[in-house]
Every structure is written in structure tokens, then in C-alpha cells.
Protein backbone atom coordinates (compact mmCIF):
# COMPACT_ATOMS: atom_id res chain seq x y z
CA UNK A 1 -17.39 3.35 -14.06
CA UNK A 2 -18.87 1.62 -10.96
CA UNK A 3 -20.18 3.75 -8.45
CA UNK A 4 -17.97 2.61 -5.68
CA UNK A 5 -14.84 3.41 -7.81
CA UNK A 6 -15.96 6.87 -8.35
CA UNK A 7 -16.63 7.20 -4.72
CA UNK A 8 -13.34 6.12 -3.95
CA UNK A 9 -11.70 8.32 -6.36
CA UNK A 10 -13.83 11.41 -5.10
CA UNK A 11 -12.85 10.90 -1.53
CA UNK A 12 -9.26 10.46 -2.48
CA UNK A 13 -9.31 13.67 -4.43
CA UNK A 14 -10.77 15.48 -1.32
CA UNK A 15 -8.32 14.00 1.10
CA UNK A 16 -5.62 15.42 -1.19
CA UNK A 17 -7.29 18.80 -0.92
CA UNK A 18 -6.96 18.41 2.60
CA UNK A 19 -3.24 19.56 2.48
CA UNK A 20 -3.94 22.64 0.49
CA UNK A 21 -3.53 26.08 1.94
CA UNK A 22 -5.63 28.14 4.21
CA UNK A 23 -7.96 30.63 2.90
CA UNK A 24 -6.33 34.12 2.28
CA UNK A 25 -7.27 37.76 1.71
CA UNK A 26 -5.59 40.58 -0.31
CA UNK A 27 -6.69 42.74 2.13
CA UNK A 28 -4.42 40.72 4.77
CA UNK A 29 -4.04 44.03 6.94
CA UNK A 30 -7.87 43.91 7.27
CA UNK A 31 -7.82 40.16 8.68
CA UNK A 32 -5.34 40.71 11.71
CA UNK A 33 -6.41 37.70 13.64
CA UNK A 34 -6.17 35.38 10.76
CA UNK A 35 -2.42 36.56 10.35
CA UNK A 36 -1.32 36.55 14.17
CA UNK A 37 -3.22 36.43 17.47
CA UNK A 38 -1.11 38.82 19.00
CA UNK A 39 -2.54 41.49 16.98
CA UNK A 40 -5.54 41.47 19.05
CA UNK A 41 -5.49 44.89 20.64
CA UNK A 42 -2.22 45.90 19.27
CA UNK A 43 -3.08 48.82 17.39
CA UNK A 44 -6.67 50.05 18.21
CA UNK A 45 -8.78 50.18 21.45
CA UNK A 46 -11.30 48.13 19.21
CA UNK A 47 -11.57 47.07 15.70
CA UNK A 48 -14.20 45.20 13.80
CA UNK A 49 -14.08 44.03 10.16
CA UNK A 50 -16.18 42.37 7.63
CA UNK A 51 -14.43 40.83 4.64
CA UNK A 52 -15.70 39.26 1.51
CA UNK A 53 -13.70 37.43 -1.42
CA UNK A 54 -14.79 36.03 -4.72
CA UNK A 55 -12.55 34.24 -6.64
CA UNK A 56 -12.25 32.82 -10.41
CA UNK A 57 -15.90 33.41 -10.91
CA UNK A 58 -14.95 33.91 -14.84
CA UNK A 59 -14.04 30.08 -14.98
CA UNK A 60 -16.79 28.25 -13.13
CA UNK A 61 -18.12 28.01 -9.77
CA UNK A 62 -16.31 30.37 -7.75
CA UNK A 63 -14.42 30.25 -4.49
CA UNK A 64 -16.34 32.65 -2.04
CA UNK A 65 -14.76 33.53 1.35
CA UNK A 66 -16.39 35.62 4.24
CA UNK A 67 -14.50 36.72 7.39
CA UNK A 68 -16.03 38.64 10.37
CA UNK A 69 -14.06 39.63 13.26
CA UNK A 70 -13.92 41.91 16.27
CA UNK A 71 -11.22 42.63 18.57
CA UNK A 72 -9.99 45.01 21.27
CA UNK A 73 -8.59 45.67 24.78
CA UNK A 74 -10.68 44.26 27.62
CA UNK A 75 -8.40 45.61 30.61
CA UNK A 76 -8.41 49.30 31.95
CA UNK A 77 -5.54 50.71 29.85
CA UNK A 78 -5.37 53.65 32.21
CA UNK A 79 -4.88 51.82 35.59
CA UNK A 80 -2.74 49.20 33.88
CA UNK A 81 -0.64 51.21 31.08
CA UNK A 82 2.03 48.47 30.95
CA UNK A 83 0.05 45.60 30.39
CA UNK A 84 -3.07 45.14 28.44
CA UNK A 85 -5.50 42.16 28.17
CA UNK A 86 -7.09 41.90 24.74
CA UNK A 87 -9.31 39.57 23.22
CA UNK A 88 -10.79 38.90 19.64
CA UNK A 89 -13.47 36.79 18.21
CA UNK A 90 -13.54 35.56 14.48
CA UNK A 91 -15.84 33.80 12.11
CA UNK A 92 -15.07 32.45 8.70
CA UNK A 93 -16.90 30.64 6.07
CA UNK A 94 -15.24 29.70 2.75
CA UNK A 95 -16.94 27.75 -0.01
CA UNK A 96 -15.19 26.24 -3.15
CA UNK A 97 -16.56 24.74 -6.59
CA UNK A 98 -19.12 22.33 -7.36
CA UNK A 99 -19.17 20.07 -5.80
CA UNK A 100 -18.87 22.51 -2.95
CA UNK A 101 -16.40 22.20 -0.42
CA UNK A 102 -16.78 24.10 2.60
CA UNK A 103 -14.55 25.40 5.50
CA UNK A 104 -15.90 27.09 8.42
CA UNK A 105 -14.49 28.27 11.76
CA UNK A 106 -15.02 30.18 14.93
CA UNK A 107 -12.01 31.13 17.06
CA UNK A 108 -10.94 33.36 20.17
CA UNK A 109 -7.79 35.17 20.31
CA UNK A 110 -6.38 36.12 23.40
CA UNK A 111 -3.41 38.27 23.72
CA UNK A 112 -1.14 40.21 26.49
CA UNK A 113 0.25 43.42 25.15
CA UNK A 114 3.37 44.31 27.39
CA UNK A 115 4.92 47.88 27.23
CA UNK A 116 8.77 47.67 26.59
CA UNK A 117 9.28 51.43 25.73
CA UNK A 118 7.68 54.88 25.42
CA UNK A 119 5.90 53.82 22.18
CA UNK A 120 6.81 50.00 21.98
CA UNK A 121 5.09 46.83 23.16
CA UNK A 122 5.20 43.24 22.60
CA UNK A 123 2.15 41.20 22.08
CA UNK A 124 1.81 37.37 23.12
CA UNK A 125 -1.20 35.90 21.47
CA UNK A 126 -2.89 32.37 21.67
CA UNK A 127 -5.62 31.30 18.99
CA UNK A 128 -8.16 28.65 19.93
CA UNK A 129 -10.86 27.72 17.42
CA UNK A 130 -12.91 25.15 16.19
CA UNK A 131 -13.25 24.21 12.45
CA UNK A 132 -15.75 22.24 10.35
CA UNK A 133 -15.21 21.00 6.89
CA UNK A 134 -17.92 19.56 4.62
CA UNK A 135 -18.43 18.21 1.27
CA UNK A 136 -21.53 18.19 -0.68
CA UNK A 137 -21.22 15.69 -3.51
CA UNK A 138 -24.85 15.85 -4.54
CA UNK A 139 -24.43 19.06 -5.87
CA UNK A 140 -21.61 17.98 -8.52
CA UNK A 141 -22.00 16.91 -12.20
CA UNK A 142 -21.56 13.33 -12.81
CA UNK A 143 -20.83 11.09 -15.82
CA UNK A 144 -24.44 9.57 -15.75
CA UNK A 145 -25.87 13.11 -16.14
CA UNK A 146 -24.64 13.43 -19.51
CA UNK A 147 -27.04 12.37 -22.37
CA UNK A 148 -24.33 11.84 -25.26
CA UNK A 149 -24.46 15.49 -26.07
CA UNK A 150 -24.33 17.48 -23.20
CA UNK A 151 -24.98 17.83 -19.51
CA UNK A 152 -28.52 17.30 -18.25
CA UNK A 153 -29.46 18.17 -14.61
CA UNK A 154 -32.86 16.07 -15.10
CA UNK A 155 -31.03 12.95 -15.26
CA UNK A 156 -30.48 10.93 -11.97
CA UNK A 157 -26.79 11.05 -10.84
CA UNK A 158 -26.91 7.48 -9.23
CA UNK A 159 -24.60 9.04 -6.57
CA UNK A 160 -27.43 9.62 -3.89
CA UNK A 161 -26.95 12.53 -1.43
CA UNK A 162 -23.65 12.08 -0.76
CA UNK A 163 -22.82 14.85 2.16
CA UNK A 164 -19.78 14.28 4.42
CA UNK A 165 -18.72 16.67 7.50
CA UNK A 166 -15.77 16.47 9.68
CA UNK A 167 -15.06 18.79 12.87
CA UNK A 168 -11.74 19.42 14.68
CA UNK A 169 -10.30 21.68 17.16
CA UNK A 170 -7.44 24.21 16.18
CA UNK A 171 -4.82 25.93 18.10
CA UNK A 172 -2.29 29.05 17.14
CA UNK A 173 0.21 31.09 18.72
CA UNK A 174 1.94 34.36 17.96
CA UNK A 175 4.05 37.24 18.93
CA UNK A 176 4.09 40.80 17.62
CA UNK A 177 6.24 43.69 18.11
CA UNK A 178 4.41 47.02 17.71
CA UNK A 179 5.98 50.91 17.51
CA UNK A 180 3.25 53.41 17.82
CA UNK A 181 3.33 57.11 18.06
CA UNK A 182 0.34 59.00 17.25
CA UNK A 183 -0.51 62.75 16.62
CA UNK A 184 -3.96 62.95 17.64
CA UNK A 185 -7.01 60.96 18.75
CA UNK A 186 -8.62 60.15 15.42
CA UNK A 187 -8.06 57.54 12.84
CA UNK A 188 -5.53 58.62 10.30
CA UNK A 189 -3.43 60.75 12.85
CA UNK A 190 -0.90 58.25 13.16
CA UNK A 191 2.92 59.58 12.90
CA UNK A 192 4.56 56.33 12.74
CA UNK A 193 3.30 52.91 13.34
CA UNK A 194 5.33 49.52 12.95
CA UNK A 195 4.08 45.94 13.27
CA UNK A 196 6.44 43.03 13.11
CA UNK A 197 5.10 39.52 13.87
CA UNK A 198 5.59 35.84 13.56
CA UNK A 199 2.78 33.15 14.12
CA UNK A 200 1.89 29.73 13.87
CA UNK A 201 -1.49 28.13 13.30
CA UNK A 202 -2.71 24.31 13.32
CA UNK A 203 0.07 23.68 15.68
CA UNK A 204 -1.91 20.80 17.24
CA UNK A 205 -1.97 19.22 13.38
CA UNK A 206 -5.86 18.60 13.48
CA UNK A 207 -7.15 15.75 11.46
CA UNK A 208 -9.67 16.49 9.05
CA UNK A 209 -9.99 14.06 6.77
CA UNK A 210 -13.35 12.60 5.66
CA UNK A 211 -12.34 9.02 6.28
CA UNK A 212 -11.23 7.28 9.61
CA UNK A 213 -8.67 5.64 7.45
CA UNK A 214 -7.06 8.71 6.16
CA UNK A 215 -4.16 10.47 8.01
CA UNK A 216 -5.09 13.69 6.58
CA UNK A 217 -3.09 16.17 9.39
CA UNK A 218 -3.55 19.99 8.77
CA UNK A 219 -0.09 21.32 8.14
CA UNK A 220 1.01 24.00 10.52
CA UNK A 221 0.77 27.73 8.71
CA UNK A 222 3.99 29.72 9.76
CA UNK A 223 3.40 33.51 8.85
CA UNK A 224 5.94 36.34 8.78
CA UNK A 225 4.52 39.76 8.42
CA UNK A 226 5.60 43.50 8.76
CA UNK A 227 3.56 46.52 7.90
CA UNK A 228 3.90 50.24 8.61
CA UNK A 229 2.63 53.58 8.40
CA UNK A 230 4.99 56.53 7.99
CA UNK A 231 3.22 60.10 8.07
CA UNK A 232 4.91 62.59 5.13
CA UNK A 233 4.06 66.10 3.74
CA UNK A 234 3.65 67.28 7.45
CA UNK A 235 0.92 64.99 8.15
CA UNK A 236 -0.94 65.51 4.89
CA UNK A 237 -0.22 62.07 3.59
CA UNK A 238 1.28 58.67 4.62
CA UNK A 239 3.31 56.08 3.17
CA UNK A 240 2.30 52.08 4.21
CA UNK A 241 4.40 49.45 3.06
CA UNK A 242 3.74 45.79 3.89
CA UNK A 243 4.97 42.21 3.36
CA UNK A 244 3.53 38.94 4.46
CA UNK A 245 4.85 35.73 4.04
CA UNK A 246 3.05 32.40 4.49
CA UNK A 247 4.33 28.92 4.76
CA UNK A 248 2.12 25.65 4.79
CA UNK A 249 3.12 22.35 3.90
CA UNK A 250 4.99 22.69 0.59
CA UNK A 251 2.86 25.77 -0.22
CA UNK A 252 4.39 29.42 0.03
CA UNK A 253 2.76 32.65 -0.48
CA UNK A 254 4.87 36.08 -0.70
CA UNK A 255 2.15 39.16 -0.47
CA UNK A 256 4.12 42.81 -0.92
CA UNK A 257 3.54 46.15 -1.85
CA UNK A 258 2.25 49.38 -0.12
CA UNK A 259 -0.42 52.24 0.17
CA UNK A 260 -0.05 55.94 -0.38
CA UNK A 261 -2.54 57.64 1.93
CA UNK A 262 -3.85 61.13 1.12
CA UNK A 263 -5.61 63.20 3.56
CA UNK A 264 -8.73 64.87 1.96
CA UNK A 265 -9.91 66.45 4.98
CA UNK A 266 -8.05 66.94 8.54
CA UNK A 267 -9.89 66.88 11.67
CA UNK A 268 -10.60 69.85 13.56
CA UNK A 269 -7.86 69.93 16.19
CA UNK A 270 -9.95 71.65 19.18
CA UNK A 271 -13.64 71.16 18.53
CA UNK A 272 -13.76 67.70 16.74
CA UNK A 273 -16.74 68.89 14.82
CA UNK A 274 -14.75 68.33 11.31
CA UNK A 275 -14.16 64.66 10.92
CA UNK A 276 -10.81 63.52 9.13
CA UNK A 277 -11.31 61.79 5.62
CA UNK A 278 -8.57 60.27 3.51
CA UNK A 279 -8.29 57.77 0.81
CA UNK A 280 -5.41 55.28 0.00
CA UNK A 281 -4.40 53.67 -2.85
CA UNK A 282 -2.33 50.53 -2.91
CA UNK A 283 -0.40 48.20 -5.40
CA UNK A 284 0.74 44.93 -4.20
CA UNK A 285 2.09 41.83 -5.72
CA UNK A 286 1.48 38.02 -4.84
CA UNK A 287 4.60 36.30 -6.42
CA UNK A 288 3.70 33.91 -9.40
CA UNK A 289 0.02 34.69 -8.80
CA UNK A 290 -1.49 38.25 -9.10
CA UNK A 291 -1.10 41.90 -9.15
CA UNK A 292 -3.30 43.50 -6.52
CA UNK A 293 -4.91 46.72 -6.84
CA UNK A 294 -6.48 48.20 -3.64
CA UNK A 295 -8.27 51.40 -2.64
CA UNK A 296 -9.62 52.20 0.87
CA UNK A 297 -11.48 55.19 2.15
CA UNK A 298 -11.41 56.11 5.87
CA UNK A 299 -13.81 58.54 7.41
CA UNK A 300 -13.28 59.12 11.12
CA UNK A 301 -13.73 55.63 12.32
CA UNK A 302 -15.30 53.88 9.02
CA UNK A 303 -13.42 52.11 6.49
CA UNK A 304 -14.63 51.01 3.34
CA UNK A 305 -12.20 49.04 0.77
CA UNK A 306 -12.10 47.18 -2.39
CA UNK A 307 -9.35 45.13 -4.24
CA UNK A 308 -9.06 43.46 -7.66
CA UNK A 309 -6.67 40.85 -8.38
CA UNK A 310 -5.20 40.57 -11.97
CA UNK A 311 -3.95 36.93 -12.28
CA UNK A 312 -0.62 36.80 -13.78
CA UNK A 313 0.08 32.93 -13.29
CA UNK A 314 -0.35 30.38 -16.00
CA UNK A 315 -4.34 30.34 -14.89
CA UNK A 316 -4.61 33.82 -16.71
CA UNK A 317 -5.23 31.97 -20.22
CA UNK A 318 -8.42 31.02 -18.78
CA UNK A 319 -9.25 33.71 -16.33
CA UNK A 320 -8.15 36.58 -18.84
CA UNK A 321 -6.50 38.11 -15.66
CA UNK A 322 -9.73 38.31 -13.68
CA UNK A 323 -8.66 36.96 -10.56
CA UNK A 324 -10.51 37.93 -7.41
CA UNK A 325 -12.72 40.82 -6.21
CA UNK A 326 -12.74 41.75 -2.71
CA UNK A 327 -14.69 44.06 -0.39
CA UNK A 328 -13.86 45.18 3.23
CA UNK A 329 -15.96 47.12 5.82
CA UNK A 330 -14.19 48.54 9.18
CA UNK A 331 -14.95 49.92 12.26
CA UNK A 332 -12.27 51.24 14.67
CA UNK A 333 -11.81 53.31 18.27
CA UNK A 334 -8.50 54.67 18.85
């Protein structure tokens, strides 16, 4: 095959990939700014998270995703108890396959949390970001590099150093209703927490195709979610159900399930010398894709979580059920 034809097919293939879904995490509750910009400052005074996901490493070059975010309330919540200005910053890096396709981004979220009841607020959020998509075709394996029996990396590919990059602006909006009733000042002291929200990302339909002749508009991603925490056993435990629905172009994702939180150590009521410690066990399902097992340990203001996706789709024939690993670190201030 001629080099020009191979190049045309390659670029056409990746133009098609431009219509694929956004990156996702099984620990969706630990990536609030990618779910809805109105979640900035909704539940905590400040929250910072670091997420890492590694997917399909058992069948070749894996998909790896890193997400780092921090958000919180920037206005004085004592002087302005009925209206809080909140902000958040998020950085993402996603790399898939070989030749590698990278999707990186940085975004700012601004939210206004408006009090509508004793324990209730409505948050209105705006997401403004900058994305960058790149292709490193020089990392691929090409037909010219097969010696008749196997792949030989020492043979020149004949493709040169084909590296392409495209940058684009990104806009999103969201609204969230939050009901929060707490028993104390420490993490894990929530009596009842309910979040319900709807958001739309890529509302400006950015063009992120590699070729000027392409019409590769990024489809709008619509997200509906609801998660909650209900204290049980006189505060000795909690149930935390959740559902997340994503729709982007022709792609839909449904993630649902729940955690059971067990309080191993309760915080001291008056001195604060004893810090709370709890462990949460979760079982979730991603429709037609995977079963997800999660574990989360909370100590005072710090959390460490791990999840494993058991692949249940047709791809499980090749993955043997080994879908993805995910690790999350979190710090919060109530």
C-alpha cells in the first residue's frame, strides 16, 4: 500500500475516533467537576482529588487516564450564608493505545450555591476549559516493519515522524440540587446528603479534527446523576446509593450501585483528639460493560480508594474479565 493511502486511512480512522465518548471513571463520585461544574463547593468547604485509571492492559497498550482537581467556596460563608461563590480547577490527561492518542485538558469551574431551604441549596455552574488532542503515529507498528515472520522494530516504518496536534476551547453548564444535614464537624458525620443534577459539556461543539477539511465537531455530553448518603444504625454506618447517566452522540453509559459505609472509629465528641475512621464497600454496574467493585477508606479528612472493573461485555473473551484498575486520593475540609 502506498504511503499516501496509509496516511489517508490513518487520519480517517482517528477522525472517526473524534466522535467517541469522553474519558470516564468508575469512581465517578470522586470526579465531581467532570460530572457537573455546579458541584464545585456543593458538599464541602474544600475538596481535592487525584484519580488514576488503567484500562485493558491485559490485551495490549492500555488506556491510562489521570485527573487532578481542587474546588471549594471562595466567598465568606458566615457573612453570606444564603449565597456562596465557589470555584474549581481541573487538569486531565488521557492516553490510549499505540500509536498513542492523547487528550489533555485544563478547565475552570465557577458555581453559585444558593440557599433555598434550611438544609437545601441549588447550585448553578459554568465550566470553561481548553483541550488538546494529539496523535503520535511514529509510535505505531506498520506493515513495512514486518520481516515476513514477525514485527521487527529495527526496520524503518517509512512513515517519518508523523505527530499531529489540535487545540480547542470547551464550554459546559450545570445545575445541582443539594440537601445536606450533618451531625458534626468531621468527615463521615453526615446524617443525610442528597445530590441531584444535570449538566451539558461541549455546548460550543468544538472542532477537534486533525484536518482542516474535517467536520469533526465534538458531540455535547449530557449527564444526569443522583447520589446520596443516609446514616443508619444510629450513625454507626451509612448507605450511599448512586446513579450516573451519560449521553454523548450515539453513545450512552449507565453506572449505578451503592456503598455500605462502616464506621470503625467514631470521632471524639468534645476534644477532637480521636479522629473518625471508616471503610466503605461498593458494588456498581456499568450496563452492558462491567461490574465494578470498590473499596474506600476515610480517615478524618483523607480518603484512599481502589476499584476494579470486571469486564462483562463481548470484550471479556479477550480480557478474561480484567477491565480496569482505578486508584483515588482525596482531601476534604467540611
